[in-house]
Amino acid sequence: MKNKNISVTSLVRYSLLASLTGLLQVSAALFPGPGNMLSFFSSLPIALAAFISPWGGVACTIISGWLTLLIRPVGLPAFALIMAPLGLVIGISLHYSTKPQGAILAGTAAVTTGLLFITYVLGFPAFGYSLEKSTIFAVLPFYASFSLIYNYAWYNFIKKVLIRLTKFIKL
């Protein structure tokens, strides 16, 4: 009987985190201006779900991806290729207690790959049209250094949030 309660609790937990992720991701459409800043925080619930359980993080990502596709399809590439992998990598690395350097480098690789895919495969200028016209080898150092700084900041932020949450909530 106890296992059924755990699965229902997990289902509710991950669906609430996925709903929060979807709401944060589509907030740019709901509140232009401040919503654009809020949409960057969609990595946080995914990282929390992946910290609790890596498969829960994947489920949260898939559900929130579908929500984003239904509500604001234009935000799906940025979410699926940048925000979601960032949250997953950081959450899973904190779940398995890997070294921060490895987690930050893995997140950097994921975000850099996503930026390159958005720019060169989808044809959307991630950092403006001047970089889109450049070759991939000229843009790669810029994308990698941006991703490194971005992942370092997010890793430290998510780690602090998780430390504070675990003091108040049993995860």
C-alpha atoms as a PDB file:
ATOM      1  CA  MET A   1       0.000   0.000   0.000  1.00  0.00           C
ATOM      2  CA  LYS A   2       2.868   2.357   0.737  1.00  0.00           C
ATOM      3  CA  ASN A   3       4.224   2.093  -2.814  1.00  0.00           C
ATOM      4  CA  LYS A   4       0.948   3.384  -4.259  1.00  0.00           C
ATOM      5  CA  ASN A   5       1.148   6.468  -2.057  1.00  0.00           C
ATOM      6  CA  ILE A   6       4.704   7.125  -3.166  1.00  0.00           C
ATOM      7  CA  SER A   7       3.765   6.859  -6.849  1.00  0.00           C
ATOM      8  CA  VAL A   8       0.770   9.166  -6.412  1.00  0.00           C
ATOM      9  CA  THR A   9       2.923  11.611  -4.452  1.00  0.00           C
ATOM     10  CA  SER A  10       5.570  11.498  -7.158  1.00  0.00           C
ATOM     11  CA  LEU A  11       2.976  11.969  -9.878  1.00  0.00           C
ATOM     12  CA  VAL A  12       1.554  15.036  -8.147  1.00  0.00           C
ATOM     13  CA  ARG A  13       5.030  16.424  -7.416  1.00  0.00           C
ATOM     14  CA  TYR A  14       6.267  16.126 -10.998  1.00  0.00           C
ATOM     15  CA  SER A  15       3.038  17.401 -12.520  1.00  0.00           C
ATOM     16  CA  LEU A  16       3.136  20.481 -10.309  1.00  0.00           C
ATOM     17  CA  LEU A  17       6.774  21.082 -11.246  1.00  0.00           C
ATOM     18  CA  ALA A  18       5.962  20.578 -14.939  1.00  0.00           C
ATOM     19  CA  SER A  19       3.060  23.015 -14.689  1.00  0.00           C
ATOM     20  CA  LEU A  20       5.293  25.585 -13.018  1.00  0.00           C
ATOM     21  CA  THR A  21       7.917  25.048 -15.705  1.00  0.00           C
ATOM     22  CA  GLY A  22       5.350  25.483 -18.472  1.00  0.00           C
ATOM     23  CA  LEU A  23       3.941  28.602 -16.830  1.00  0.00           C
ATOM     24  CA  LEU A  24       7.387  30.138 -16.485  1.00  0.00           C
ATOM     25  CA  GLN A  25       8.258  29.283 -20.084  1.00  0.00           C
ATOM     26  CA  VAL A  26       5.105  30.840 -21.567  1.00  0.00           C
ATOM     27  CA  SER A  27       5.176  33.863 -19.258  1.00  0.00           C
ATOM     28  CA  ALA A  28       6.778  35.904 -22.042  1.00  0.00           C
ATOM     29  CA  ALA A  29       3.534  35.604 -24.006  1.00  0.00           C
ATOM     30  CA  LEU A  30       1.394  36.394 -20.963  1.00  0.00           C
ATOM     31  CA  PHE A  31       3.430  39.325 -19.614  1.00  0.00           C
ATOM     32  CA  PRO A  32       5.630  40.884 -22.309  1.00  0.00           C
ATOM     33  CA  GLY A  33       8.696  42.442 -20.731  1.00  0.00           C
ATOM     34  CA  PRO A  34       8.832  40.947 -17.233  1.00  0.00           C
ATOM     35  CA  GLY A  35       7.667  37.622 -18.635  1.00  0.00           C
ATOM     36  CA  ASN A  36      10.779  37.395 -20.779  1.00  0.00           C
ATOM     37  CA  MET A  37      12.888  37.493 -17.628  1.00  0.00           C
ATOM     38  CA  LEU A  38      10.641  34.949 -15.891  1.00  0.00           C
ATOM     39  CA  SER A  39      10.965  32.497 -18.779  1.00  0.00           C
ATOM     40  CA  PHE A  40      14.665  32.063 -17.992  1.00  0.00           C
ATOM     41  CA  PHE A  41      13.679  30.532 -14.657  1.00  0.00           C
ATOM     42  CA  SER A  42      11.997  27.550 -16.327  1.00  0.00           C
ATOM     43  CA  SER A  43      15.226  25.612 -15.753  1.00  0.00           C
ATOM     44  CA  LEU A  44      14.753  25.755 -11.979  1.00  0.00           C
ATOM     45  CA  PRO A  45      11.720  23.405 -11.615  1.00  0.00           C
ATOM     46  CA  ILE A  46      13.306  20.953 -14.049  1.00  0.00           C
ATOM     47  CA  ALA A  47      16.506  20.949 -12.008  1.00  0.00           C
ATOM     48  CA  LEU A  48      14.470  20.394  -8.840  1.00  0.00           C
ATOM     49  CA  ALA A  49      12.621  17.467 -10.426  1.00  0.00           C
ATOM     50  CA  ALA A  50      15.871  15.965 -11.747  1.00  0.00           C
ATOM     51  CA  PHE A  51      17.476  16.419  -8.329  1.00  0.00           C
ATOM     52  CA  ILE A  52      14.687  14.403  -6.725  1.00  0.00           C
ATOM     53  CA  SER A  53      14.753  11.751  -9.456  1.00  0.00           C
ATOM     54  CA  PRO A  54      16.477  11.881 -12.867  1.00  0.00           C
ATOM     55  CA  TRP A  55      13.507  10.156 -14.503  1.00  0.00           C
ATOM     56  CA  GLY A  56      11.213  12.665 -12.825  1.00  0.00           C
ATOM     57  CA  GLY A  57      13.248  15.442 -14.409  1.00  0.00           C
ATOM     58  CA  VAL A  58      12.870  13.845 -17.821  1.00  0.00           C
ATOM     59  CA  ALA A  59       9.112  13.446 -17.273  1.00  0.00           C
ATOM     60  CA  CYS A  60       8.853  17.063 -16.138  1.00  0.00           C
ATOM     61  CA  THR A  61      10.729  18.175 -19.252  1.00  0.00           C
ATOM     62  CA  ILE A  62       8.496  16.210 -21.601  1.00  0.00           C
ATOM     63  CA  ILE A  63       5.261  17.390 -19.986  1.00  0.00           C
ATOM     64  CA  SER A  64       6.344  21.026 -19.873  1.00  0.00           C
ATOM     65  CA  GLY A  65       7.562  20.767 -23.471  1.00  0.00           C
ATOM     66  CA  TRP A  66       4.094  19.670 -24.531  1.00  0.00           C
ATOM     67  CA  LEU A  67       2.548  22.519 -22.541  1.00  0.00           C
ATOM     68  CA  THR A  68       4.900  24.982 -24.218  1.00  0.00           C
ATOM     69  CA  LEU A  69       4.089  23.531 -27.636  1.00  0.00           C
ATOM     70  CA  LEU A  70       0.357  23.953 -27.027  1.00  0.00           C
ATOM     71  CA  ILE A  71       0.456  27.440 -25.513  1.00  0.00           C
ATOM     72  CA  ARG A  72       3.455  29.163 -27.133  1.00  0.00           C
ATOM     73  CA  PRO A  73       5.061  27.084 -29.895  1.00  0.00           C
ATOM     74  CA  VAL A  74       7.596  29.793 -30.738  1.00  0.00           C
ATOM     75  CA  GLY A  75       9.245  29.296 -27.339  1.00  0.00           C
ATOM     76  CA  LEU A  76       9.727  25.552 -27.766  1.00  0.00           C
ATOM     77  CA  PRO A  77      13.145  25.583 -29.518  1.00  0.00           C
ATOM     78  CA  ALA A  78      14.755  27.726 -26.816  1.00  0.00           C
ATOM     79  CA  PHE A  79      13.157  25.621 -24.108  1.00  0.00           C
ATOM     80  CA  ALA A  80      13.930  22.229 -25.608  1.00  0.00           C
ATOM     81  CA  LEU A  81      17.480  23.058 -26.675  1.00  0.00           C
ATOM     82  CA  ILE A  82      18.734  25.401 -23.938  1.00  0.00           C
ATOM     83  CA  MET A  83      16.576  25.668 -20.804  1.00  0.00           C
ATOM     84  CA  ALA A  84      15.557  22.039 -20.401  1.00  0.00           C
ATOM     85  CA  PRO A  85      19.010  20.481 -20.963  1.00  0.00           C
ATOM     86  CA  LEU A  86      20.504  23.022 -18.567  1.00  0.00           C
ATOM     87  CA  GLY A  87      18.023  22.106 -15.820  1.00  0.00           C
ATOM     88  CA  LEU A  88      18.387  18.387 -16.467  1.00  0.00           C
ATOM     89  CA  VAL A  89      22.177  18.400 -16.410  1.00  0.00           C
ATOM     90  CA  ILE A  90      22.401  20.474 -13.235  1.00  0.00           C
ATOM     91  CA  GLY A  91      19.646  18.539 -11.445  1.00  0.00           C
ATOM     92  CA  ILE A  92      21.064  15.145 -12.354  1.00  0.00           C
ATOM     93  CA  SER A  93      24.588  16.187 -11.396  1.00  0.00           C
ATOM     94  CA  LEU A  94      23.355  17.398  -8.005  1.00  0.00           C
ATOM     95  CA  HIS A  95      21.359  14.179  -7.587  1.00  0.00           C
ATOM     96  CA  TYR A  96      24.461  12.061  -8.103  1.00  0.00           C
ATOM     97  CA  SER A  97      26.710  14.550  -6.261  1.00  0.00           C
ATOM     98  CA  THR A  98      29.158  14.961  -9.103  1.00  0.00           C
ATOM     99  CA  LYS A  99      31.914  17.530  -8.908  1.00  0.00           C
ATOM    100  CA  PRO A 100      30.841  21.072  -9.816  1.00  0.00           C
ATOM    101  CA  GLN A 101      33.423  21.315 -12.601  1.00  0.00           C
ATOM    102  CA  GLY A 102      32.011  18.274 -14.360  1.00  0.00           C
ATOM    103  CA  ALA A 103      28.450  19.490 -14.004  1.00  0.00           C
ATOM    104  CA  ILE A 104      29.293  22.945 -15.306  1.00  0.00           C
ATOM    105  CA  LEU A 105      31.236  21.546 -18.270  1.00  0.00           C
ATOM    106  CA  ALA A 106      28.428  19.113 -19.127  1.00  0.00           C
ATOM    107  CA  GLY A 107      25.901  21.931 -18.979  1.00  0.00           C
ATOM    108  CA  THR A 108      28.196  24.100 -21.094  1.00  0.00           C
ATOM    109  CA  ALA A 109      28.369  21.387 -23.745  1.00  0.00           C
ATOM    110  CA  ALA A 110      24.576  20.978 -23.728  1.00  0.00           C
ATOM    111  CA  VAL A 111      23.838  24.702 -24.014  1.00  0.00           C
ATOM    112  CA  THR A 112      26.536  25.285 -26.642  1.00  0.00           C
ATOM    113  CA  THR A 113      25.141  22.433 -28.724  1.00  0.00           C
ATOM    114  CA  GLY A 114      21.642  23.868 -28.376  1.00  0.00           C
ATOM    115  CA  LEU A 115      22.795  27.338 -29.416  1.00  0.00           C
ATOM    116  CA  LEU A 116      24.612  25.950 -32.439  1.00  0.00           C
ATOM    117  CA  PHE A 117      21.547  23.923 -33.424  1.00  0.00           C
ATOM    118  CA  ILE A 118      19.262  26.944 -33.118  1.00  0.00           C
ATOM    119  CA  THR A 119      21.620  29.141 -35.123  1.00  0.00           C
ATOM    120  CA  TYR A 120      22.825  26.820 -37.879  1.00  0.00           C
ATOM    121  CA  VAL A 121      20.103  24.205 -38.263  1.00  0.00           C
ATOM    122  CA  LEU A 122      16.938  26.165 -37.459  1.00  0.00           C
ATOM    123  CA  GLY A 123      18.338  29.417 -38.861  1.00  0.00           C
ATOM    124  CA  PHE A 124      17.294  31.546 -35.897  1.00  0.00           C
ATOM    125  CA  PRO A 125      19.946  34.079 -34.857  1.00  0.00           C
ATOM    126  CA  ALA A 126      20.517  33.280 -31.193  1.00  0.00           C
ATOM    127  CA  PHE A 127      22.802  36.298 -30.655  1.00  0.00           C
ATOM    128  CA  GLY A 128      21.969  38.492 -33.610  1.00  0.00           C
ATOM    129  CA  TYR A 129      22.461  38.390 -37.330  1.00  0.00           C
ATOM    130  CA  SER A 130      26.156  39.258 -37.258  1.00  0.00           C
ATOM    131  CA  LEU A 131      27.020  35.945 -35.604  1.00  0.00           C
ATOM    132  CA  GLU A 132      24.643  33.998 -37.815  1.00  0.00           C
ATOM    133  CA  LYS A 133      26.633  34.953 -40.904  1.00  0.00           C
ATOM    134  CA  SER A 134      29.904  33.782 -39.332  1.00  0.00           C
ATOM    135  CA  THR A 135      31.270  30.272 -39.672  1.00  0.00           C
ATOM    136  CA  ILE A 136      30.682  27.753 -36.950  1.00  0.00           C
ATOM    137  CA  PHE A 137      34.366  27.782 -35.995  1.00  0.00           C
ATOM    138  CA  ALA A 138      34.337  31.559 -35.489  1.00  0.00           C
ATOM    139  CA  VAL A 139      31.179  31.451 -33.361  1.00  0.00           C
ATOM    140  CA  LEU A 140      32.033  28.389 -31.281  1.00  0.00           C
ATOM    141  CA  PRO A 141      34.396  30.159 -28.827  1.00  0.00           C
ATOM    142  CA  PHE A 142      31.821  32.895 -28.224  1.00  0.00           C
ATOM    143  CA  TYR A 143      28.986  30.401 -27.652  1.00  0.00           C
ATOM    144  CA  ALA A 144      31.162  28.202 -25.438  1.00  0.00           C
ATOM    145  CA  SER A 145      32.367  31.073 -23.266  1.00  0.00           C
ATOM    146  CA  PHE A 146      28.826  32.428 -22.914  1.00  0.00           C
ATOM    147  CA  SER A 147      27.561  28.942 -22.027  1.00  0.00           C
ATOM    148  CA  LEU A 148      30.318  28.461 -19.475  1.00  0.00           C
ATOM    149  CA  ILE A 149      29.490  31.695 -17.650  1.00  0.00           C
ATOM    150  CA  TYR A 150      25.743  31.038 -17.945  1.00  0.00           C
ATOM    151  CA  ASN A 151      26.074  27.502 -16.566  1.00  0.00           C
ATOM    152  CA  TYR A 152      28.361  28.587 -13.751  1.00  0.00           C
ATOM    153  CA  ALA A 153      25.819  31.164 -12.612  1.00  0.00           C
ATOM    154  CA  TRP A 154      22.880  28.774 -12.918  1.00  0.00           C
ATOM    155  CA  TYR A 155      24.686  25.929 -11.167  1.00  0.00           C
ATOM    156  CA  ASN A 156      25.468  28.096  -8.152  1.00  0.00           C
ATOM    157  CA  PHE A 157      21.963  29.583  -8.079  1.00  0.00           C
ATOM    158  CA  ILE A 158      20.193  26.218  -8.318  1.00  0.00           C
ATOM    159  CA  LYS A 159      22.505  24.689  -5.718  1.00  0.00           C
ATOM    160  CA  LYS A 160      21.697  27.492  -3.246  1.00  0.00           C
ATOM    161  CA  VAL A 161      17.977  27.159  -3.900  1.00  0.00           C
ATOM    162  CA  LEU A 162      18.099  23.388  -3.393  1.00  0.00           C
ATOM    163  CA  ILE A 163      20.076  23.745  -0.163  1.00  0.00           C
ATOM    164  CA  ARG A 164      17.479  26.141   1.202  1.00  0.00           C
ATOM    165  CA  LEU A 165      14.570  24.004   0.027  1.00  0.00           C
ATOM    166  CA  THR A 166      15.950  20.842   1.590  1.00  0.00           C
ATOM    167  CA  LYS A 167      16.091  22.605   4.962  1.00  0.00           C
ATOM    168  CA  PHE A 168      12.326  23.158   4.889  1.00  0.00           C
ATOM    169  CA  ILE A 169      10.971  20.372   2.695  1.00  0.00           C
ATOM    170  CA  LYS A 170      11.810  16.688   2.675  1.00  0.00           C
ATOM    171  CA  LEU A 171      12.617  15.901  -0.954  1.00  0.00           C
END
